[in-house]
N, C-alpha and C. Protein backbone atom coordinates (compact mmCIF):
# COMPACT_ATOMS: atom_id res chain seq x y z
N UNK A 1 -0.54 -3.18 28.17
CA UNK A 1 0.10 -3.30 26.86
C UNK A 1 -0.36 -2.20 25.90
N UNK A 2 -1.33 -1.39 26.29
CA UNK A 2 -1.80 -0.35 25.38
C UNK A 2 -0.75 0.72 25.12
N UNK A 3 0.05 1.03 26.15
CA UNK A 3 1.06 2.08 25.98
C UNK A 3 2.15 1.67 24.99
N UNK A 4 2.74 0.47 25.10
CA UNK A 4 3.72 0.04 24.10
C UNK A 4 3.11 -0.07 22.70
N UNK A 5 1.87 -0.53 22.63
CA UNK A 5 1.17 -0.64 21.35
C UNK A 5 1.07 0.73 20.69
N UNK A 6 0.66 1.71 21.47
CA UNK A 6 0.50 3.07 20.94
C UNK A 6 1.85 3.69 20.58
N UNK A 7 2.89 3.36 21.34
CA UNK A 7 4.23 3.89 21.05
C UNK A 7 4.72 3.42 19.69
N UNK A 8 4.41 2.18 19.33
CA UNK A 8 4.79 1.66 18.01
C UNK A 8 4.04 2.40 16.92
N UNK A 9 2.75 2.56 17.09
CA UNK A 9 1.94 3.23 16.08
C UNK A 9 2.36 4.68 15.89
N UNK A 10 2.76 5.35 16.97
CA UNK A 10 3.13 6.77 16.91
C UNK A 10 4.56 6.99 16.45
N UNK A 11 5.28 5.90 16.17
CA UNK A 11 6.65 6.03 15.69
C UNK A 11 7.66 6.31 16.78
N UNK A 12 7.26 6.17 18.04
CA UNK A 12 8.20 6.38 19.14
C UNK A 12 9.22 5.24 19.20
N UNK A 13 8.82 4.07 18.71
CA UNK A 13 9.74 2.95 18.54
C UNK A 13 10.27 3.00 17.11
N UNK A 14 11.58 2.83 16.95
CA UNK A 14 12.19 2.90 15.61
C UNK A 14 11.53 1.90 14.68
N UNK A 15 11.02 2.32 13.52
CA UNK A 15 10.36 1.40 12.59
C UNK A 15 11.38 0.48 11.91
N UNK A 16 10.90 -0.55 11.23
CA UNK A 16 11.81 -1.44 10.51
C UNK A 16 12.65 -0.67 9.50
N UNK A 17 13.90 -1.09 9.27
CA UNK A 17 14.78 -0.39 8.33
C UNK A 17 14.13 -0.24 6.94
N UNK A 18 14.18 0.97 6.43
CA UNK A 18 13.63 1.24 5.10
C UNK A 18 12.13 1.17 5.03
N UNK A 19 11.46 1.18 6.16
CA UNK A 19 10.01 1.05 6.16
C UNK A 19 9.43 2.06 7.15
N UNK A 20 8.11 2.14 7.14
CA UNK A 20 7.42 3.08 8.02
C UNK A 20 6.85 2.36 9.23
N UNK A 21 6.44 3.12 10.22
CA UNK A 21 5.76 2.53 11.37
C UNK A 21 4.46 1.88 10.88
N UNK A 22 4.04 0.79 11.49
CA UNK A 22 2.82 0.11 11.04
C UNK A 22 1.58 0.91 11.38
N UNK A 23 0.55 0.67 10.62
CA UNK A 23 -0.76 1.22 10.98
C UNK A 23 -1.35 0.34 12.08
N UNK A 24 -2.40 0.83 12.70
CA UNK A 24 -3.07 0.03 13.74
C UNK A 24 -3.57 -1.28 13.16
N UNK A 25 -4.12 -1.23 11.96
CA UNK A 25 -4.63 -2.44 11.31
C UNK A 25 -3.50 -3.44 11.08
N UNK A 26 -2.32 -2.97 10.64
CA UNK A 26 -1.21 -3.88 10.37
C UNK A 26 -0.71 -4.55 11.65
N UNK A 27 -0.62 -3.77 12.73
CA UNK A 27 -0.10 -4.34 13.97
C UNK A 27 -1.09 -5.34 14.57
N UNK A 28 -2.36 -5.02 14.51
CA UNK A 28 -3.38 -5.96 15.00
C UNK A 28 -3.36 -7.22 14.16
N UNK A 29 -3.22 -7.04 12.85
CA UNK A 29 -3.18 -8.21 11.96
C UNK A 29 -2.00 -9.11 12.30
N UNK A 30 -0.84 -8.52 12.59
CA UNK A 30 0.34 -9.32 12.92
C UNK A 30 0.11 -10.14 14.19
N UNK A 31 -0.52 -9.54 15.18
CA UNK A 31 -0.83 -10.26 16.42
C UNK A 31 -1.81 -11.40 16.16
N UNK A 32 -2.81 -11.14 15.34
CA UNK A 32 -3.80 -12.17 15.03
C UNK A 32 -3.21 -13.30 14.21
N UNK A 33 -2.33 -12.96 13.27
CA UNK A 33 -1.67 -13.97 12.45
C UNK A 33 -0.85 -14.91 13.33
N UNK A 34 -0.14 -14.35 14.29
CA UNK A 34 0.65 -15.18 15.20
C UNK A 34 -0.24 -16.14 15.98
N UNK A 35 -1.36 -15.64 16.49
CA UNK A 35 -2.26 -16.49 17.25
C UNK A 35 -2.85 -17.60 16.39
N UNK A 36 -3.17 -17.28 15.16
CA UNK A 36 -3.80 -18.25 14.28
C UNK A 36 -2.81 -19.28 13.76
N UNK A 37 -1.63 -18.82 13.32
CA UNK A 37 -0.71 -19.70 12.61
C UNK A 37 0.35 -20.33 13.50
N UNK A 38 0.71 -19.70 14.57
CA UNK A 38 1.71 -20.19 15.52
C UNK A 38 3.14 -20.07 14.98
N UNK A 39 3.38 -20.45 13.73
CA UNK A 39 4.70 -20.31 13.12
C UNK A 39 4.54 -19.59 11.78
N UNK A 40 5.25 -18.48 11.60
CA UNK A 40 5.23 -17.81 10.30
C UNK A 40 6.66 -17.52 9.87
N UNK A 41 6.84 -17.37 8.55
CA UNK A 41 8.15 -17.23 7.96
C UNK A 41 8.21 -15.97 7.09
N UNK A 42 9.44 -15.60 6.74
CA UNK A 42 9.61 -14.46 5.85
C UNK A 42 8.90 -14.69 4.52
N UNK A 43 8.82 -15.96 4.10
CA UNK A 43 8.22 -16.29 2.80
C UNK A 43 6.75 -16.67 2.90
N UNK A 44 6.15 -16.62 4.08
CA UNK A 44 4.74 -16.96 4.21
C UNK A 44 3.90 -15.96 3.43
N UNK A 45 3.04 -16.48 2.57
CA UNK A 45 2.23 -15.60 1.72
C UNK A 45 0.94 -15.20 2.43
N UNK A 46 0.38 -14.07 2.00
CA UNK A 46 -0.93 -13.64 2.47
C UNK A 46 -0.97 -13.07 3.88
N UNK A 47 0.19 -12.67 4.43
CA UNK A 47 0.19 -12.15 5.81
C UNK A 47 0.69 -10.71 5.87
N UNK A 48 0.84 -10.07 4.72
CA UNK A 48 1.29 -8.68 4.71
C UNK A 48 2.65 -8.52 5.37
N UNK A 49 2.75 -7.54 6.27
CA UNK A 49 4.02 -7.25 6.95
C UNK A 49 4.14 -7.98 8.30
N UNK A 50 3.31 -8.96 8.53
CA UNK A 50 3.25 -9.59 9.84
C UNK A 50 4.60 -10.13 10.30
N UNK A 51 5.30 -10.84 9.42
CA UNK A 51 6.60 -11.39 9.82
C UNK A 51 7.59 -10.28 10.13
N UNK A 52 7.66 -9.30 9.25
CA UNK A 52 8.58 -8.18 9.45
C UNK A 52 8.31 -7.47 10.77
N UNK A 53 7.04 -7.21 11.06
CA UNK A 53 6.69 -6.49 12.27
C UNK A 53 6.97 -7.32 13.52
N UNK A 54 6.62 -8.60 13.47
CA UNK A 54 6.85 -9.46 14.64
C UNK A 54 8.34 -9.57 14.95
N UNK A 55 9.15 -9.71 13.92
CA UNK A 55 10.59 -9.83 14.15
C UNK A 55 11.18 -8.51 14.66
N UNK A 56 10.79 -7.41 14.05
CA UNK A 56 11.39 -6.12 14.41
C UNK A 56 10.95 -5.66 15.79
N UNK A 57 9.67 -5.84 16.09
CA UNK A 57 9.15 -5.41 17.39
C UNK A 57 9.08 -6.60 18.36
N UNK A 58 10.08 -7.45 18.32
CA UNK A 58 10.08 -8.68 19.12
C UNK A 58 9.85 -8.43 20.62
N UNK A 59 10.45 -7.41 21.24
CA UNK A 59 10.18 -7.20 22.67
C UNK A 59 8.71 -6.97 22.98
N UNK A 60 8.03 -6.19 22.12
CA UNK A 60 6.59 -5.97 22.33
C UNK A 60 5.81 -7.27 22.16
N UNK A 61 6.11 -8.01 21.10
CA UNK A 61 5.40 -9.27 20.85
C UNK A 61 5.68 -10.26 21.98
N UNK A 62 6.91 -10.28 22.47
CA UNK A 62 7.26 -11.20 23.55
C UNK A 62 6.45 -10.87 24.81
N UNK A 63 6.38 -9.60 25.16
CA UNK A 63 5.64 -9.20 26.36
C UNK A 63 4.14 -9.43 26.19
N UNK A 64 3.63 -9.12 25.00
CA UNK A 64 2.20 -9.28 24.74
C UNK A 64 1.78 -10.74 24.90
N UNK A 65 2.52 -11.64 24.25
CA UNK A 65 2.12 -13.04 24.30
C UNK A 65 2.44 -13.69 25.64
N UNK A 66 3.40 -13.14 26.38
CA UNK A 66 3.67 -13.64 27.72
C UNK A 66 2.45 -13.43 28.61
N UNK A 67 1.72 -12.35 28.37
CA UNK A 67 0.49 -12.09 29.13
C UNK A 67 -0.56 -13.17 28.87
N UNK A 68 -0.46 -13.82 27.72
CA UNK A 68 -1.42 -14.88 27.37
C UNK A 68 -0.88 -16.27 27.69
N UNK A 69 0.34 -16.32 28.23
CA UNK A 69 0.91 -17.61 28.60
C UNK A 69 1.73 -18.28 27.52
N UNK A 70 2.08 -17.55 26.45
CA UNK A 70 2.89 -18.11 25.38
C UNK A 70 4.31 -17.55 25.44
N UNK A 71 5.24 -18.27 24.82
CA UNK A 71 6.61 -17.77 24.67
C UNK A 71 6.83 -17.42 23.21
N UNK A 72 7.06 -16.16 22.92
CA UNK A 72 7.32 -15.71 21.56
C UNK A 72 8.82 -15.77 21.29
N UNK A 73 9.20 -16.34 20.14
CA UNK A 73 10.61 -16.49 19.80
C UNK A 73 10.86 -16.10 18.35
N UNK A 74 12.07 -15.64 18.09
CA UNK A 74 12.53 -15.34 16.72
C UNK A 74 13.65 -16.31 16.39
N UNK A 75 13.49 -17.08 15.32
CA UNK A 75 14.53 -17.99 14.84
C UNK A 75 15.14 -17.37 13.59
N UNK A 76 16.20 -16.59 13.78
CA UNK A 76 16.78 -15.84 12.66
C UNK A 76 17.29 -16.76 11.56
N UNK A 77 17.93 -17.86 11.94
CA UNK A 77 18.49 -18.77 10.93
C UNK A 77 17.42 -19.31 9.99
N UNK A 78 16.25 -19.63 10.55
CA UNK A 78 15.16 -20.19 9.75
C UNK A 78 14.21 -19.13 9.22
N UNK A 79 14.49 -17.84 9.51
CA UNK A 79 13.61 -16.74 9.12
C UNK A 79 12.17 -17.05 9.54
N UNK A 80 12.05 -17.40 10.83
CA UNK A 80 10.77 -17.82 11.39
C UNK A 80 10.54 -17.12 12.72
N UNK A 81 9.30 -16.76 12.98
CA UNK A 81 8.87 -16.34 14.31
C UNK A 81 7.77 -17.29 14.74
N UNK A 82 7.72 -17.59 16.05
CA UNK A 82 6.75 -18.60 16.47
C UNK A 82 6.35 -18.40 17.92
N UNK A 83 5.24 -19.06 18.26
CA UNK A 83 4.75 -19.11 19.63
C UNK A 83 4.94 -20.51 20.17
N UNK A 84 5.68 -20.63 21.25
CA UNK A 84 5.81 -21.91 21.94
C UNK A 84 4.68 -22.00 22.94
N UNK A 85 3.90 -23.07 22.85
CA UNK A 85 2.72 -23.21 23.69
C UNK A 85 3.08 -23.78 25.05
N UNK A 86 2.26 -23.52 26.07
CA UNK A 86 2.53 -24.05 27.40
C UNK A 86 2.63 -25.58 27.38
N UNK A 87 3.69 -26.15 27.96
CA UNK A 87 3.84 -27.61 27.93
C UNK A 87 2.85 -28.33 28.82
N UNK A 88 2.32 -27.64 29.82
CA UNK A 88 1.36 -28.28 30.73
C UNK A 88 0.44 -27.21 31.30
N UNK A 89 -0.40 -27.65 32.16
CA UNK A 89 -1.34 -26.71 32.77
C UNK A 89 -2.63 -26.63 31.97
N UNK A 90 -3.58 -25.89 32.51
CA UNK A 90 -4.89 -25.77 31.88
C UNK A 90 -4.81 -24.81 30.70
N UNK A 91 -5.37 -25.22 29.57
CA UNK A 91 -5.41 -24.39 28.37
C UNK A 91 -6.85 -24.09 28.03
N UNK A 92 -7.12 -22.85 27.60
CA UNK A 92 -8.48 -22.45 27.25
C UNK A 92 -8.59 -21.91 25.83
N UNK A 93 -7.50 -21.98 25.06
CA UNK A 93 -7.53 -21.45 23.70
C UNK A 93 -7.90 -22.56 22.73
N UNK A 94 -8.15 -22.16 21.46
CA UNK A 94 -8.54 -23.15 20.44
C UNK A 94 -7.44 -24.16 20.20
N UNK A 95 -6.17 -23.73 20.30
CA UNK A 95 -5.06 -24.65 20.04
C UNK A 95 -4.87 -25.65 21.16
N UNK A 96 -5.58 -25.45 22.27
CA UNK A 96 -5.48 -26.39 23.37
C UNK A 96 -6.35 -27.62 23.17
N UNK A 97 -7.14 -27.66 22.12
CA UNK A 97 -7.99 -28.80 21.86
C UNK A 97 -7.13 -30.03 21.57
N UNK A 98 -7.51 -31.15 22.12
CA UNK A 98 -6.74 -32.38 21.97
C UNK A 98 -6.78 -32.85 20.51
N UNK A 99 -5.62 -33.27 20.02
CA UNK A 99 -5.55 -33.83 18.67
C UNK A 99 -6.22 -35.19 18.64
N UNK A 100 -6.82 -35.50 17.51
CA UNK A 100 -7.34 -36.85 17.31
C UNK A 100 -6.18 -37.82 17.14
N UNK A 101 -6.45 -39.11 17.27
CA UNK A 101 -5.39 -40.10 17.16
C UNK A 101 -4.68 -40.02 15.82
N UNK A 102 -5.44 -39.92 14.71
CA UNK A 102 -4.78 -39.90 13.41
C UNK A 102 -3.97 -38.62 13.22
N UNK A 103 -4.44 -37.51 13.79
CA UNK A 103 -3.69 -36.26 13.70
C UNK A 103 -2.38 -36.36 14.48
N UNK A 104 -2.44 -36.98 15.65
CA UNK A 104 -1.25 -37.19 16.46
C UNK A 104 -0.22 -38.03 15.71
N UNK A 105 -0.68 -39.09 15.05
CA UNK A 105 0.23 -39.97 14.33
C UNK A 105 0.87 -39.26 13.13
N UNK A 106 0.10 -38.44 12.44
CA UNK A 106 0.66 -37.70 11.31
C UNK A 106 1.69 -36.68 11.80
N UNK A 107 1.41 -36.00 12.89
CA UNK A 107 2.36 -35.04 13.43
C UNK A 107 3.64 -35.75 13.86
N UNK A 108 3.50 -36.91 14.48
CA UNK A 108 4.68 -37.70 14.85
C UNK A 108 5.49 -38.08 13.61
N UNK A 109 4.81 -38.53 12.56
CA UNK A 109 5.50 -38.95 11.33
C UNK A 109 6.21 -37.77 10.67
N UNK A 110 5.60 -36.59 10.70
CA UNK A 110 6.25 -35.40 10.12
C UNK A 110 7.53 -35.06 10.88
N UNK A 111 7.47 -35.14 12.21
CA UNK A 111 8.66 -34.85 13.02
C UNK A 111 9.75 -35.88 12.74
N UNK A 112 9.37 -37.15 12.63
CA UNK A 112 10.35 -38.19 12.33
C UNK A 112 10.97 -37.98 10.96
N UNK A 113 10.16 -37.57 9.98
CA UNK A 113 10.68 -37.29 8.64
C UNK A 113 11.68 -36.15 8.67
N UNK A 114 11.38 -35.14 9.49
CA UNK A 114 12.29 -33.99 9.61
C UNK A 114 13.60 -34.42 10.28
N UNK A 115 13.50 -35.21 11.33
CA UNK A 115 14.70 -35.69 12.01
C UNK A 115 15.56 -36.54 11.08
N UNK A 116 14.91 -37.38 10.28
CA UNK A 116 15.65 -38.22 9.34
C UNK A 116 16.37 -37.35 8.31
N UNK A 117 15.70 -36.30 7.84
CA UNK A 117 16.33 -35.39 6.90
C UNK A 117 17.54 -34.71 7.50
N UNK A 118 17.45 -34.32 8.77
CA UNK A 118 18.59 -33.71 9.46
C UNK A 118 19.75 -34.69 9.55
N UNK A 119 19.46 -35.93 9.93
CA UNK A 119 20.52 -36.94 10.06
C UNK A 119 21.20 -37.21 8.73
N UNK A 120 20.40 -37.22 7.65
CA UNK A 120 20.94 -37.57 6.33
C UNK A 120 21.43 -36.35 5.56
N UNK A 121 21.46 -35.19 6.22
CA UNK A 121 21.95 -33.95 5.60
C UNK A 121 21.15 -33.60 4.33
N UNK A 122 19.84 -33.79 4.42
CA UNK A 122 18.96 -33.47 3.30
C UNK A 122 18.15 -32.20 3.58
N UNK A 123 18.73 -31.30 4.32
CA UNK A 123 18.06 -30.05 4.68
C UNK A 123 18.44 -28.97 3.67
N UNK A 124 17.44 -28.30 3.12
CA UNK A 124 17.70 -27.25 2.14
C UNK A 124 18.24 -26.00 2.83
N UNK A 125 18.63 -25.03 2.03
CA UNK A 125 19.18 -23.79 2.58
C UNK A 125 18.15 -23.03 3.42
N UNK A 126 16.86 -23.24 3.16
CA UNK A 126 15.84 -22.56 3.96
C UNK A 126 15.31 -23.44 5.09
N UNK A 127 16.03 -24.53 5.38
CA UNK A 127 15.71 -25.34 6.55
C UNK A 127 14.61 -26.36 6.36
N UNK A 128 14.21 -26.65 5.12
CA UNK A 128 13.14 -27.60 4.89
C UNK A 128 13.68 -28.97 4.49
N UNK A 129 12.87 -29.99 4.74
CA UNK A 129 13.19 -31.36 4.37
C UNK A 129 12.09 -31.87 3.45
N UNK A 130 12.47 -32.38 2.29
CA UNK A 130 11.50 -32.87 1.33
C UNK A 130 11.16 -34.33 1.60
N UNK A 131 9.88 -34.66 1.47
CA UNK A 131 9.42 -36.03 1.55
C UNK A 131 8.10 -36.11 0.79
N UNK A 132 7.39 -37.21 0.93
CA UNK A 132 6.11 -37.37 0.24
C UNK A 132 5.07 -37.94 1.21
N UNK A 133 3.83 -37.93 0.77
CA UNK A 133 2.78 -38.53 1.58
C UNK A 133 3.02 -40.02 1.79
N UNK A 134 3.65 -40.68 0.82
CA UNK A 134 4.00 -42.09 1.00
C UNK A 134 4.99 -42.27 2.14
N UNK A 135 5.97 -41.37 2.24
CA UNK A 135 6.93 -41.43 3.35
C UNK A 135 6.24 -41.28 4.69
N UNK A 136 5.26 -40.36 4.76
CA UNK A 136 4.53 -40.16 6.01
C UNK A 136 3.72 -41.40 6.37
N UNK A 137 3.07 -41.99 5.38
CA UNK A 137 2.29 -43.21 5.63
C UNK A 137 3.20 -44.34 6.11
N UNK A 138 4.37 -44.49 5.48
CA UNK A 138 5.32 -45.54 5.89
C UNK A 138 5.83 -45.30 7.31
N UNK A 139 6.05 -44.03 7.66
CA UNK A 139 6.55 -43.70 9.00
C UNK A 139 5.51 -44.06 10.05
N UNK A 140 4.23 -43.87 9.75
CA UNK A 140 3.17 -44.23 10.70
C UNK A 140 3.14 -45.74 10.90
N UNK A 141 3.25 -46.48 9.80
CA UNK A 141 3.26 -47.95 9.90
C UNK A 141 4.44 -48.44 10.73
N UNK A 142 5.59 -47.80 10.53
CA UNK A 142 6.81 -48.22 11.22
C UNK A 142 6.81 -47.81 12.68
N UNK A 143 6.42 -46.56 12.97
CA UNK A 143 6.53 -46.04 14.34
C UNK A 143 5.39 -46.49 15.24
N UNK A 144 4.20 -46.63 14.67
CA UNK A 144 3.02 -46.93 15.50
C UNK A 144 2.42 -48.30 15.23
N UNK A 145 2.97 -48.99 14.25
CA UNK A 145 2.47 -50.32 13.90
C UNK A 145 0.97 -50.31 13.63
N UNK A 146 0.54 -49.31 12.89
CA UNK A 146 -0.87 -49.19 12.55
C UNK A 146 -0.99 -48.60 11.16
N UNK A 147 -2.14 -48.74 10.56
CA UNK A 147 -2.34 -48.22 9.21
C UNK A 147 -2.57 -46.71 9.26
N UNK A 148 -2.03 -45.98 8.31
CA UNK A 148 -2.22 -44.53 8.26
C UNK A 148 -3.63 -44.18 7.79
N UNK A 149 -4.03 -42.93 7.93
CA UNK A 149 -5.33 -42.50 7.39
C UNK A 149 -5.36 -42.68 5.87
N UNK A 150 -6.55 -42.79 5.30
CA UNK A 150 -6.63 -42.87 3.85
C UNK A 150 -6.15 -41.55 3.24
N UNK A 151 -5.96 -41.55 1.93
CA UNK A 151 -5.32 -40.41 1.28
C UNK A 151 -6.06 -39.09 1.52
N UNK A 152 -7.38 -39.12 1.40
CA UNK A 152 -8.15 -37.89 1.56
C UNK A 152 -8.01 -37.34 2.98
N UNK A 153 -8.10 -38.21 3.97
CA UNK A 153 -7.98 -37.77 5.36
C UNK A 153 -6.54 -37.31 5.66
N UNK A 154 -5.56 -38.00 5.09
CA UNK A 154 -4.18 -37.61 5.30
C UNK A 154 -3.92 -36.20 4.78
N UNK A 155 -4.43 -35.91 3.59
CA UNK A 155 -4.25 -34.56 3.03
C UNK A 155 -4.96 -33.52 3.89
N UNK A 156 -6.13 -33.87 4.40
CA UNK A 156 -6.87 -32.95 5.27
C UNK A 156 -6.04 -32.61 6.52
N UNK A 157 -5.43 -33.62 7.12
CA UNK A 157 -4.61 -33.40 8.31
C UNK A 157 -3.36 -32.60 7.98
N UNK A 158 -2.74 -32.91 6.85
CA UNK A 158 -1.54 -32.18 6.45
C UNK A 158 -1.85 -30.70 6.21
N UNK A 159 -3.01 -30.42 5.65
CA UNK A 159 -3.40 -29.02 5.44
C UNK A 159 -3.59 -28.31 6.78
N UNK A 160 -4.09 -29.03 7.76
CA UNK A 160 -4.24 -28.46 9.11
C UNK A 160 -2.88 -28.01 9.64
N UNK A 161 -1.88 -28.88 9.54
CA UNK A 161 -0.56 -28.55 10.06
C UNK A 161 0.18 -27.56 9.16
N UNK A 162 -0.18 -27.53 7.87
CA UNK A 162 0.40 -26.52 6.98
C UNK A 162 -0.02 -25.13 7.40
N UNK A 163 -1.28 -25.00 7.85
CA UNK A 163 -1.76 -23.70 8.31
C UNK A 163 -1.04 -23.23 9.57
N UNK A 164 -0.44 -24.17 10.29
CA UNK A 164 0.31 -23.85 11.51
C UNK A 164 1.79 -23.62 11.23
N UNK A 165 2.19 -23.74 9.97
CA UNK A 165 3.59 -23.48 9.61
C UNK A 165 4.51 -24.67 9.71
N UNK A 166 3.95 -25.90 9.74
CA UNK A 166 4.79 -27.09 9.88
C UNK A 166 5.27 -27.64 8.54
N UNK A 167 4.58 -27.32 7.46
CA UNK A 167 4.94 -27.88 6.16
C UNK A 167 4.29 -27.09 5.03
N UNK A 168 4.75 -27.38 3.82
CA UNK A 168 4.09 -26.91 2.60
C UNK A 168 3.79 -28.12 1.74
N UNK A 169 2.62 -28.12 1.13
CA UNK A 169 2.23 -29.20 0.23
C UNK A 169 2.52 -28.82 -1.21
N UNK A 170 3.07 -29.76 -1.97
CA UNK A 170 3.27 -29.56 -3.39
C UNK A 170 2.06 -30.02 -4.17
N UNK A 171 2.21 -30.11 -5.48
CA UNK A 171 1.10 -30.54 -6.35
C UNK A 171 1.08 -32.05 -6.46
N UNK A 172 -0.08 -32.62 -6.26
CA UNK A 172 -0.24 -34.07 -6.27
C UNK A 172 0.08 -34.67 -7.63
N UNK A 173 0.84 -35.75 -7.63
CA UNK A 173 1.12 -36.52 -8.83
C UNK A 173 -0.04 -37.49 -9.03
N UNK A 174 -0.87 -37.22 -10.02
CA UNK A 174 -2.08 -38.02 -10.22
C UNK A 174 -1.77 -39.46 -10.60
N UNK A 175 -0.70 -39.64 -11.37
CA UNK A 175 -0.33 -41.00 -11.80
C UNK A 175 0.17 -41.84 -10.62
N UNK A 176 1.06 -41.25 -9.83
CA UNK A 176 1.65 -41.99 -8.71
C UNK A 176 0.78 -41.91 -7.45
N UNK A 177 -0.21 -41.03 -7.45
CA UNK A 177 -1.09 -40.81 -6.29
C UNK A 177 -0.27 -40.49 -5.05
N UNK A 178 0.64 -39.54 -5.21
CA UNK A 178 1.50 -39.13 -4.12
C UNK A 178 1.64 -37.60 -4.16
N UNK A 179 1.76 -36.99 -3.01
CA UNK A 179 1.91 -35.54 -2.91
C UNK A 179 3.25 -35.21 -2.26
N UNK A 180 4.08 -34.40 -2.93
CA UNK A 180 5.35 -33.99 -2.31
C UNK A 180 5.11 -33.02 -1.16
N UNK A 181 5.95 -33.09 -0.16
CA UNK A 181 5.84 -32.23 1.01
C UNK A 181 7.19 -31.59 1.31
N UNK A 182 7.15 -30.41 1.88
CA UNK A 182 8.36 -29.78 2.42
C UNK A 182 8.10 -29.55 3.90
N UNK A 183 8.73 -30.35 4.74
CA UNK A 183 8.58 -30.21 6.18
C UNK A 183 9.46 -29.06 6.64
N UNK A 184 8.89 -28.13 7.39
CA UNK A 184 9.55 -26.88 7.74
C UNK A 184 10.00 -26.87 9.20
N UNK A 185 10.89 -25.95 9.56
CA UNK A 185 11.39 -25.91 10.94
C UNK A 185 10.30 -25.80 12.00
N UNK A 186 9.16 -25.25 11.62
CA UNK A 186 8.06 -25.13 12.57
C UNK A 186 7.55 -26.45 13.10
N UNK A 187 7.91 -27.56 12.47
CA UNK A 187 7.48 -28.87 12.96
C UNK A 187 8.01 -29.12 14.37
N UNK A 188 9.20 -28.57 14.69
CA UNK A 188 9.76 -28.77 16.02
C UNK A 188 9.04 -27.92 17.07
N UNK A 189 8.32 -26.90 16.62
CA UNK A 189 7.52 -26.08 17.53
C UNK A 189 6.21 -26.80 17.85
N UNK A 190 5.58 -27.37 16.81
CA UNK A 190 4.32 -28.08 17.01
C UNK A 190 4.51 -29.41 17.72
N UNK A 191 5.70 -30.00 17.57
CA UNK A 191 5.97 -31.30 18.20
C UNK A 191 7.29 -31.23 18.96
N UNK A 192 7.32 -30.51 20.09
CA UNK A 192 8.56 -30.38 20.87
C UNK A 192 9.01 -31.72 21.44
N UNK A 193 10.24 -31.75 21.93
CA UNK A 193 10.83 -33.01 22.38
C UNK A 193 10.01 -33.69 23.46
N UNK A 194 9.50 -32.91 24.42
CA UNK A 194 8.72 -33.51 25.51
C UNK A 194 7.46 -34.18 24.96
N UNK A 195 6.82 -33.54 23.99
CA UNK A 195 5.63 -34.12 23.35
C UNK A 195 6.00 -35.40 22.62
N UNK A 196 7.15 -35.39 21.91
CA UNK A 196 7.60 -36.57 21.18
C UNK A 196 7.80 -37.75 22.12
N UNK A 197 8.40 -37.49 23.27
CA UNK A 197 8.61 -38.57 24.24
C UNK A 197 7.29 -39.17 24.70
N UNK A 198 6.30 -38.32 24.93
CA UNK A 198 4.99 -38.79 25.36
C UNK A 198 4.33 -39.64 24.28
N UNK A 199 4.42 -39.17 23.03
CA UNK A 199 3.77 -39.89 21.94
C UNK A 199 4.47 -41.22 21.67
N UNK A 200 5.78 -41.23 21.74
CA UNK A 200 6.52 -42.49 21.56
C UNK A 200 6.12 -43.50 22.63
N UNK A 201 5.99 -43.04 23.89
CA UNK A 201 5.58 -43.93 24.97
C UNK A 201 4.17 -44.44 24.73
N UNK A 202 3.29 -43.53 24.27
CA UNK A 202 1.90 -43.92 23.97
C UNK A 202 1.85 -44.96 22.85
N UNK A 203 2.65 -44.73 21.78
CA UNK A 203 2.68 -45.66 20.65
C UNK A 203 3.22 -47.01 21.08
N UNK A 204 4.26 -47.00 21.92
CA UNK A 204 4.84 -48.27 22.40
C UNK A 204 3.85 -49.03 23.27
N UNK A 205 3.12 -48.31 24.11
CA UNK A 205 2.12 -48.95 24.96
C UNK A 205 1.02 -49.57 24.12
N UNK A 206 0.62 -48.85 23.06
CA UNK A 206 -0.41 -49.37 22.18
C UNK A 206 0.05 -50.62 21.46
N UNK A 207 1.33 -50.64 21.06
CA UNK A 207 1.89 -51.80 20.39
C UNK A 207 1.91 -52.99 21.35
N UNK A 208 2.26 -52.72 22.65
CA UNK A 208 2.31 -53.80 23.64
C UNK A 208 0.95 -54.39 23.90
N UNK A 209 -0.10 -53.57 23.73
CA UNK A 209 -1.47 -54.07 23.93
C UNK A 209 -2.02 -54.73 22.68
N UNK A 210 -1.20 -54.71 21.59
CA UNK A 210 -1.66 -55.29 20.35
C UNK A 210 -2.52 -54.37 19.56
N UNK A 211 -2.43 -53.02 19.85
CA UNK A 211 -3.24 -52.02 19.16
C UNK A 211 -2.76 -51.83 17.75
């Protein structure tokens, strides 16, 4: 991969329209941002030109991450680039760490909230669905028949998934003790259909055991 990397830096690959070829630091940063965040958007703050470079040099990014066992994709409609993680097999990266039970339930509730927004045609022009922390807590009670994490832990988990590009948190309403959320298209990357089926089966089994 060193030769394609160097070709981009030397301008042998056509740079993004109206822009220059990236520096070595910018290209390395874009690769690292993808590994860290998994889903990034045109509007993601604090990532420099990472989105622009990943989208424009998609063939290089696709080949690079294929070497690591990931599938790199560009979702033009959602202005998102993302890494689809291996559905099975042995994983040795940090993202391969197993989610805790409460993290799994929150991720499930976020996906359900997004699906509900799609069904009810409540999707914004940038592909997001608005809900609140109360909605997420209610979804956990309904889907898993268990109590959600307390508010502090719930916000901690939501921030974890926000860093992965699944949502954005709004400003907490101190009077109502609720935080608005914008669930983003990346939620379907973090919780693909096969994963959803597994979690639903796990939740149903837990309910049958009286969990």
